[in-house]
């Protein structure tokens, strides 16, 4: 205010300066001094703590992952936000869509981490991601219903290599074949499985039964024979092989019976390995390979709505006559988007990108919660390593050095942001 004495201005600014010094300046200075001290708390070690940042394998992994986060997460969130903002302008229910996309911003990082830890559970019965993935996989590649089945004591089958089984002797038309097997839990049997039935003899065909040769109760039932209460292997695939070539194939019915024509006379019956393949269990989302992309996806889920709202605000202030003029001149929608919309939104996109870059430099909650202990080293980032060094490994000197490194990484981004703001203010 014009005419105000300097001491009055200082008096009003003093409380803010005290808070700024106590909460920002003092911690920075203390961390800088502490980063040159020994981890034990006494003595001066020079740049030893900083050398450890670039020699320790765990910290190097954290630096590499932080670089991946800074490059990938803000870019993906910004691009998705731009796409959502542009597309929602063209639909009647755009406001409702924006609300849904923005809703994850109301969830804390802690809650989001717990949600996605459950989403990425390995068991398809618990993890949504694997439930969807396994469902898609099984649509195109049917899983086996008999992954643990193997020949019983009285079965005429023997291992054929590669997980398949084959009869020990050639089969003959008119003589039913009993392919007795065990090893499948009752609850894992196919839905179409019914009571097993002994195949009837047919002089012109090779017939047989594939079934679960097990009856509950000690000493109950006959080994190698179909007994009451035993279940057929519905859907079991059987091949008739002569001279190393498959001459005919069959599939067991609900009662386990199957039949071949006379072409199978004198052939060996083979149960392909596909019958016994372990069911597809999905993807190890939180394993060493995919844990970082999986966590980045959860971050994008949260922050794409933030980017969309800011970009949508920029779109709302864009002169529509420029877009209409471009369309009148013959530009298609892609050309309008690429040559007019994106360049005019450049300041807004820069704000979103810089904000998200600063945000991911200090990402901690999601990585700490989502990554299991077995792969936390592979998902490590600088903010998490700072916490682990300070409180888990009792290395306050190294932790202080990491904090200074984070400060140095933030400074270029902040400098770019301040320079951009000043440049826009001069326009």
Foldseek 3Di string as FASTA:
>chain_A
DPPDDPVVVCVVCVVVVVCCCVPPVVVLVVLVVLLQAFLVPDDGNGCPLVVCCVVPPLNVLQAVLLVVCLPPLLVVLLVLLLVLLVVLVVDPCSVVVLCVLQVLLVPDLQVLLVVLLQCLDLFLVGHVVQVVVLVVVCVPPPAALAQFKDFDPPAQWDDDPPQKIKGPFAFAAQDEHEGEIAGHDPVSADPLKDQADADHGDNFKHKYFYWHQDDPDPPDHDPSDRDTPTIGRFQFKKFWDDPNDTPDIWGAHNNRMIMGGNVSGRTMIMRDNSNNHDRDRGDNCQDLPNNSVSLSVSVSSNNSSVSNVLLSVLVVPDDVVVLVVCVVVPDDPVCCCPVPVCVSCVVSSLVSSLVSSLVSLQDDSNLVSNRDPVNSSSNHHLNNVLVCCVPVVSRSSSSSSSVVVSVVVSVVSVVVVVVVVVVVVVD
